N, C-alpha and C. Protein backbone atom coordinates (compact mmCIF):
# COMPACT_ATOMS: atom_id res chain seq x y z
N UNK A 1 13.92 52.11 -63.15
CA UNK A 1 13.33 50.97 -62.46
C UNK A 1 11.82 51.12 -62.53
N UNK A 2 11.15 50.02 -62.73
CA UNK A 2 9.70 50.04 -62.84
C UNK A 2 9.07 50.24 -61.46
N UNK A 3 7.84 50.72 -61.49
CA UNK A 3 7.10 50.91 -60.25
C UNK A 3 6.90 49.57 -59.53
N UNK A 4 6.62 48.52 -60.33
CA UNK A 4 6.43 47.19 -59.71
C UNK A 4 7.69 46.74 -59.00
N UNK A 5 8.84 46.95 -59.61
CA UNK A 5 10.10 46.56 -58.98
C UNK A 5 10.31 47.33 -57.68
N UNK A 6 10.06 48.64 -57.70
CA UNK A 6 10.23 49.45 -56.51
C UNK A 6 9.30 49.01 -55.40
N UNK A 7 8.06 48.69 -55.76
CA UNK A 7 7.09 48.23 -54.74
C UNK A 7 7.54 46.92 -54.12
N UNK A 8 7.97 45.96 -54.93
CA UNK A 8 8.39 44.67 -54.40
C UNK A 8 9.65 44.81 -53.55
N UNK A 9 10.60 45.58 -54.02
CA UNK A 9 11.83 45.79 -53.23
C UNK A 9 11.47 46.48 -51.91
N UNK A 10 10.58 47.45 -51.95
CA UNK A 10 10.13 48.10 -50.72
C UNK A 10 9.44 47.13 -49.78
N UNK A 11 8.63 46.23 -50.33
CA UNK A 11 7.96 45.24 -49.48
C UNK A 11 8.95 44.27 -48.85
N UNK A 12 9.98 43.90 -49.59
CA UNK A 12 11.02 43.03 -49.02
C UNK A 12 11.73 43.77 -47.89
N UNK A 13 12.01 45.05 -48.07
CA UNK A 13 12.65 45.83 -47.02
C UNK A 13 11.76 45.90 -45.77
N UNK A 14 10.48 46.16 -45.97
CA UNK A 14 9.53 46.22 -44.83
C UNK A 14 9.45 44.87 -44.13
N UNK A 15 9.42 43.81 -44.91
CA UNK A 15 9.39 42.47 -44.34
C UNK A 15 10.60 42.23 -43.44
N UNK A 16 11.76 42.69 -43.87
CA UNK A 16 12.97 42.49 -43.06
C UNK A 16 13.00 43.41 -41.84
N UNK A 17 12.37 44.56 -41.93
CA UNK A 17 12.23 45.38 -40.72
C UNK A 17 11.31 44.69 -39.73
N UNK A 18 10.28 44.04 -40.22
CA UNK A 18 9.38 43.26 -39.38
C UNK A 18 10.15 42.11 -38.72
N UNK A 19 10.99 41.43 -39.48
CA UNK A 19 11.81 40.36 -38.89
C UNK A 19 12.71 40.93 -37.80
N UNK A 20 13.29 42.11 -38.04
CA UNK A 20 14.14 42.76 -37.03
C UNK A 20 13.35 42.94 -35.73
N UNK A 21 12.16 43.48 -35.81
CA UNK A 21 11.35 43.72 -34.62
C UNK A 21 11.00 42.41 -33.93
N UNK A 22 10.58 41.41 -34.71
CA UNK A 22 10.24 40.11 -34.11
C UNK A 22 11.45 39.50 -33.40
N UNK A 23 12.59 39.50 -34.04
CA UNK A 23 13.77 38.81 -33.50
C UNK A 23 14.49 39.59 -32.41
N UNK A 24 14.49 40.91 -32.50
CA UNK A 24 15.23 41.71 -31.51
C UNK A 24 14.39 42.08 -30.30
N UNK A 25 13.10 42.29 -30.50
CA UNK A 25 12.28 42.84 -29.41
C UNK A 25 11.10 41.96 -28.98
N UNK A 26 10.64 41.09 -29.86
CA UNK A 26 9.44 40.29 -29.54
C UNK A 26 9.74 38.80 -29.45
N UNK A 27 10.98 38.42 -29.51
CA UNK A 27 11.37 37.00 -29.56
C UNK A 27 10.73 36.17 -28.44
N UNK A 28 10.78 36.68 -27.22
CA UNK A 28 10.23 35.90 -26.10
C UNK A 28 8.89 36.46 -25.61
N UNK A 29 8.23 37.23 -26.47
CA UNK A 29 6.88 37.77 -26.19
C UNK A 29 5.87 36.92 -26.96
N UNK A 30 4.59 37.03 -26.63
CA UNK A 30 3.58 36.18 -27.31
C UNK A 30 3.63 36.26 -28.83
N UNK A 31 3.82 37.44 -29.41
CA UNK A 31 3.85 37.56 -30.88
C UNK A 31 5.05 36.80 -31.45
N UNK A 32 6.21 36.91 -30.82
CA UNK A 32 7.40 36.20 -31.28
C UNK A 32 7.27 34.70 -31.09
N UNK A 33 6.72 34.30 -29.97
CA UNK A 33 6.54 32.87 -29.72
C UNK A 33 5.61 32.24 -30.77
N UNK A 34 4.54 32.96 -31.11
CA UNK A 34 3.59 32.47 -32.12
C UNK A 34 4.26 32.42 -33.50
N UNK A 35 4.97 33.51 -33.84
CA UNK A 35 5.56 33.59 -35.18
C UNK A 35 6.57 32.49 -35.44
N UNK A 36 7.31 32.11 -34.40
CA UNK A 36 8.38 31.12 -34.58
C UNK A 36 8.05 29.77 -33.96
N UNK A 37 6.84 29.62 -33.40
CA UNK A 37 6.42 28.34 -32.85
C UNK A 37 7.33 27.81 -31.76
N UNK A 38 7.74 28.69 -30.85
CA UNK A 38 8.67 28.29 -29.80
C UNK A 38 8.01 28.33 -28.42
N UNK A 39 8.64 27.61 -27.53
CA UNK A 39 8.23 27.72 -26.13
C UNK A 39 8.96 28.91 -25.51
N UNK A 40 8.45 29.40 -24.40
CA UNK A 40 9.10 30.52 -23.73
C UNK A 40 10.50 30.13 -23.27
N UNK A 41 10.68 28.91 -22.83
CA UNK A 41 11.99 28.45 -22.37
C UNK A 41 13.00 28.45 -23.52
N UNK A 42 12.59 27.92 -24.66
CA UNK A 42 13.50 27.89 -25.81
C UNK A 42 13.82 29.32 -26.28
N UNK A 43 12.82 30.20 -26.26
CA UNK A 43 13.03 31.57 -26.70
C UNK A 43 14.00 32.30 -25.77
N UNK A 44 13.84 32.08 -24.47
CA UNK A 44 14.75 32.75 -23.51
C UNK A 44 16.18 32.24 -23.71
N UNK A 45 16.32 30.97 -24.00
CA UNK A 45 17.66 30.39 -24.19
C UNK A 45 18.34 30.90 -25.45
N UNK A 46 17.57 31.28 -26.46
CA UNK A 46 18.14 31.71 -27.74
C UNK A 46 17.96 33.19 -28.02
N UNK A 47 17.56 33.96 -27.02
CA UNK A 47 17.23 35.37 -27.21
C UNK A 47 18.39 36.18 -27.78
N UNK A 48 19.58 35.96 -27.29
CA UNK A 48 20.74 36.74 -27.76
C UNK A 48 21.04 36.40 -29.23
N UNK A 49 20.95 35.13 -29.58
CA UNK A 49 21.18 34.74 -30.98
C UNK A 49 20.13 35.33 -31.90
N UNK A 50 18.88 35.33 -31.44
CA UNK A 50 17.80 35.89 -32.23
C UNK A 50 17.99 37.39 -32.45
N UNK A 51 18.44 38.09 -31.42
CA UNK A 51 18.67 39.53 -31.56
C UNK A 51 19.76 39.79 -32.58
N UNK A 52 20.80 38.98 -32.60
CA UNK A 52 21.86 39.11 -33.58
C UNK A 52 21.30 38.89 -34.98
N UNK A 53 20.48 37.87 -35.13
CA UNK A 53 19.86 37.56 -36.42
C UNK A 53 18.96 38.73 -36.85
N UNK A 54 18.24 39.30 -35.91
CA UNK A 54 17.38 40.45 -36.22
C UNK A 54 18.18 41.64 -36.72
N UNK A 55 19.35 41.85 -36.11
CA UNK A 55 20.20 42.95 -36.55
C UNK A 55 20.62 42.75 -38.00
N UNK A 56 20.98 41.54 -38.37
CA UNK A 56 21.34 41.24 -39.76
C UNK A 56 20.17 41.53 -40.70
N UNK A 57 18.97 41.17 -40.28
CA UNK A 57 17.81 41.48 -41.10
C UNK A 57 17.63 42.98 -41.26
N UNK A 58 17.97 43.73 -40.22
CA UNK A 58 17.91 45.19 -40.32
C UNK A 58 18.91 45.72 -41.34
N UNK A 59 20.10 45.13 -41.40
CA UNK A 59 21.09 45.56 -42.38
C UNK A 59 20.59 45.25 -43.80
N UNK A 60 19.92 44.12 -43.97
CA UNK A 60 19.36 43.80 -45.30
C UNK A 60 18.33 44.84 -45.69
N UNK A 61 17.47 45.20 -44.76
CA UNK A 61 16.44 46.22 -45.03
C UNK A 61 17.11 47.57 -45.35
N UNK A 62 18.12 47.93 -44.58
CA UNK A 62 18.81 49.20 -44.81
C UNK A 62 19.44 49.25 -46.20
N UNK A 63 20.04 48.15 -46.60
CA UNK A 63 20.64 48.10 -47.94
C UNK A 63 19.61 48.27 -49.04
N UNK A 64 18.47 47.63 -48.86
CA UNK A 64 17.40 47.76 -49.87
C UNK A 64 16.83 49.17 -49.92
N UNK A 65 16.66 49.80 -48.75
CA UNK A 65 16.18 51.18 -48.72
C UNK A 65 17.22 52.11 -49.34
N UNK A 66 18.47 51.87 -49.06
CA UNK A 66 19.54 52.65 -49.67
C UNK A 66 19.48 52.54 -51.21
N UNK A 67 19.36 51.31 -51.70
CA UNK A 67 19.26 51.13 -53.14
C UNK A 67 18.04 51.84 -53.73
N UNK A 68 16.91 51.73 -53.04
CA UNK A 68 15.70 52.40 -53.51
C UNK A 68 15.86 53.92 -53.53
N UNK A 69 16.56 54.45 -52.55
CA UNK A 69 16.72 55.91 -52.46
C UNK A 69 17.53 56.48 -53.62
N UNK A 70 18.30 55.63 -54.28
CA UNK A 70 19.13 56.08 -55.39
C UNK A 70 18.44 55.93 -56.74
N UNK A 71 17.24 55.39 -56.75
CA UNK A 71 16.52 55.17 -58.01
C UNK A 71 17.23 54.15 -58.87
N UNK A 72 17.24 54.38 -60.17
CA UNK A 72 17.88 53.45 -61.09
C UNK A 72 19.37 53.30 -60.83
N UNK A 73 20.00 54.35 -60.33
CA UNK A 73 21.43 54.28 -60.03
C UNK A 73 21.72 53.29 -58.91
N UNK A 74 20.71 52.96 -58.10
CA UNK A 74 20.87 52.02 -57.00
C UNK A 74 20.60 50.58 -57.39
N UNK A 75 20.36 50.31 -58.67
CA UNK A 75 20.07 48.94 -59.08
C UNK A 75 21.14 47.93 -58.66
N UNK A 76 22.43 48.24 -58.83
CA UNK A 76 23.44 47.28 -58.36
C UNK A 76 23.35 46.99 -56.85
N UNK A 77 23.01 47.99 -56.08
CA UNK A 77 22.87 47.81 -54.63
C UNK A 77 21.65 46.93 -54.34
N UNK A 78 20.55 47.21 -55.03
CA UNK A 78 19.33 46.40 -54.83
C UNK A 78 19.60 44.95 -55.23
N UNK A 79 20.29 44.76 -56.34
CA UNK A 79 20.61 43.42 -56.81
C UNK A 79 21.45 42.67 -55.79
N UNK A 80 22.46 43.35 -55.24
CA UNK A 80 23.32 42.72 -54.25
C UNK A 80 22.51 42.32 -53.02
N UNK A 81 21.72 43.25 -52.45
CA UNK A 81 21.00 42.93 -51.22
C UNK A 81 19.87 41.94 -51.46
N UNK A 82 19.20 41.99 -52.60
CA UNK A 82 18.19 40.97 -52.89
C UNK A 82 18.86 39.61 -53.02
N UNK A 83 20.03 39.56 -53.62
CA UNK A 83 20.78 38.28 -53.69
C UNK A 83 21.11 37.77 -52.30
N UNK A 84 21.51 38.67 -51.40
CA UNK A 84 21.81 38.26 -50.02
C UNK A 84 20.56 37.70 -49.35
N UNK A 85 19.42 38.34 -49.56
CA UNK A 85 18.16 37.86 -48.97
C UNK A 85 17.82 36.48 -49.53
N UNK A 86 18.03 36.29 -50.82
CA UNK A 86 17.72 34.98 -51.43
C UNK A 86 18.61 33.91 -50.83
N UNK A 87 19.90 34.17 -50.73
CA UNK A 87 20.82 33.19 -50.16
C UNK A 87 20.42 32.87 -48.71
N UNK A 88 20.12 33.91 -47.93
CA UNK A 88 19.71 33.69 -46.54
C UNK A 88 18.43 32.87 -46.47
N UNK A 89 17.49 33.15 -47.36
CA UNK A 89 16.23 32.44 -47.38
C UNK A 89 16.40 30.98 -47.77
N UNK A 90 17.22 30.71 -48.76
CA UNK A 90 17.48 29.32 -49.16
C UNK A 90 18.18 28.57 -48.05
N UNK A 91 19.16 29.21 -47.45
CA UNK A 91 19.88 28.57 -46.34
C UNK A 91 18.92 28.29 -45.17
N UNK A 92 18.10 29.26 -44.84
CA UNK A 92 17.13 29.07 -43.77
C UNK A 92 16.14 27.96 -44.08
N UNK A 93 15.73 27.87 -45.33
CA UNK A 93 14.80 26.80 -45.73
C UNK A 93 15.45 25.42 -45.60
N UNK A 94 16.73 25.36 -45.90
CA UNK A 94 17.44 24.08 -45.83
C UNK A 94 17.80 23.68 -44.41
N UNK A 95 18.02 24.66 -43.54
CA UNK A 95 18.51 24.36 -42.20
C UNK A 95 17.51 24.55 -41.08
N UNK A 96 16.48 25.37 -41.30
CA UNK A 96 15.55 25.68 -40.20
C UNK A 96 14.11 25.29 -40.51
N UNK A 97 13.54 25.91 -41.53
CA UNK A 97 12.12 25.69 -41.81
C UNK A 97 11.88 25.99 -43.30
N UNK A 98 11.25 25.05 -43.98
CA UNK A 98 11.00 25.20 -45.40
C UNK A 98 10.19 26.43 -45.78
N UNK A 99 9.31 26.87 -44.90
CA UNK A 99 8.46 28.02 -45.25
C UNK A 99 9.28 29.30 -45.41
N UNK A 100 10.51 29.33 -44.91
CA UNK A 100 11.38 30.50 -45.09
C UNK A 100 11.63 30.74 -46.57
N UNK A 101 11.65 29.67 -47.34
CA UNK A 101 11.84 29.81 -48.78
C UNK A 101 10.77 30.68 -49.39
N UNK A 102 9.53 30.50 -48.96
CA UNK A 102 8.40 31.22 -49.53
C UNK A 102 8.22 32.59 -48.90
N UNK A 103 8.54 32.72 -47.62
CA UNK A 103 8.34 33.99 -46.90
C UNK A 103 9.47 34.98 -47.18
N UNK A 104 10.70 34.48 -47.30
CA UNK A 104 11.86 35.36 -47.45
C UNK A 104 12.45 35.31 -48.85
N UNK A 105 12.78 34.14 -49.34
CA UNK A 105 13.51 34.04 -50.61
C UNK A 105 12.63 34.34 -51.83
N UNK A 106 11.40 33.87 -51.83
CA UNK A 106 10.55 34.06 -53.02
C UNK A 106 10.25 35.55 -53.29
N UNK A 107 9.84 36.34 -52.29
CA UNK A 107 9.63 37.78 -52.58
C UNK A 107 10.90 38.46 -53.09
N UNK A 108 12.04 38.09 -52.52
CA UNK A 108 13.30 38.69 -52.98
C UNK A 108 13.63 38.27 -54.41
N UNK A 109 13.34 37.02 -54.75
CA UNK A 109 13.59 36.53 -56.11
C UNK A 109 12.68 37.28 -57.12
N UNK A 110 11.45 37.52 -56.73
CA UNK A 110 10.55 38.27 -57.60
C UNK A 110 11.07 39.70 -57.76
N UNK A 111 11.48 40.31 -56.65
CA UNK A 111 12.05 41.65 -56.73
C UNK A 111 13.30 41.70 -57.60
N UNK A 112 14.16 40.71 -57.46
CA UNK A 112 15.37 40.66 -58.27
C UNK A 112 15.02 40.55 -59.75
N UNK A 113 14.10 39.69 -60.09
CA UNK A 113 13.68 39.57 -61.50
C UNK A 113 13.12 40.87 -62.03
N UNK A 114 12.31 41.54 -61.22
CA UNK A 114 11.72 42.81 -61.67
C UNK A 114 12.79 43.90 -61.84
N UNK A 115 13.73 43.96 -60.91
CA UNK A 115 14.81 44.97 -61.02
C UNK A 115 15.64 44.71 -62.27
N UNK A 116 16.03 43.46 -62.48
CA UNK A 116 16.86 43.12 -63.64
C UNK A 116 16.09 43.35 -64.94
N UNK A 117 14.82 42.98 -64.96
CA UNK A 117 14.01 43.15 -66.17
C UNK A 117 13.77 44.63 -66.51
N UNK A 118 13.82 45.50 -65.53
CA UNK A 118 13.54 46.91 -65.79
C UNK A 118 14.78 47.69 -66.20
N UNK A 119 15.92 47.01 -66.27
CA UNK A 119 17.17 47.72 -66.62
C UNK A 119 17.28 47.91 -68.12
C-alpha cells in the first residue's frame, strides 16, 4: 500500500473518531450544537440516537485502523470499511445534509481509489 493511501485511510479513521466524540459526548454541548446546526432542545431530544450513530462511526474507524495495522494484507478490510463509509456518506447526503457527501464520502472515495490503485 502506498504512503498516500495509508495517510488518507488514517485521516478517514481519525475523522470518524471525531464524529464519534461529537455524536456521543458533545451532541448537546456548544461544539456539537455548532457542528450540526441544532438547537439545544432538538439535541436533547435526539441525544440517544446521536450516541448510537456515534458508536457506528467508531466501528468504522476501528475497522479502518484494523486494516491499516495489517499493512497490504489488510487491503480487503480497508476496501470494505471505506465502502461502508462511502455508502453512509451518500445516504447521509441524500437524507440529511448534502455536505456529508464532501465531508464523509469524498475522503473515503479518495482513500478507496488510492488503496485499489496501490495493489
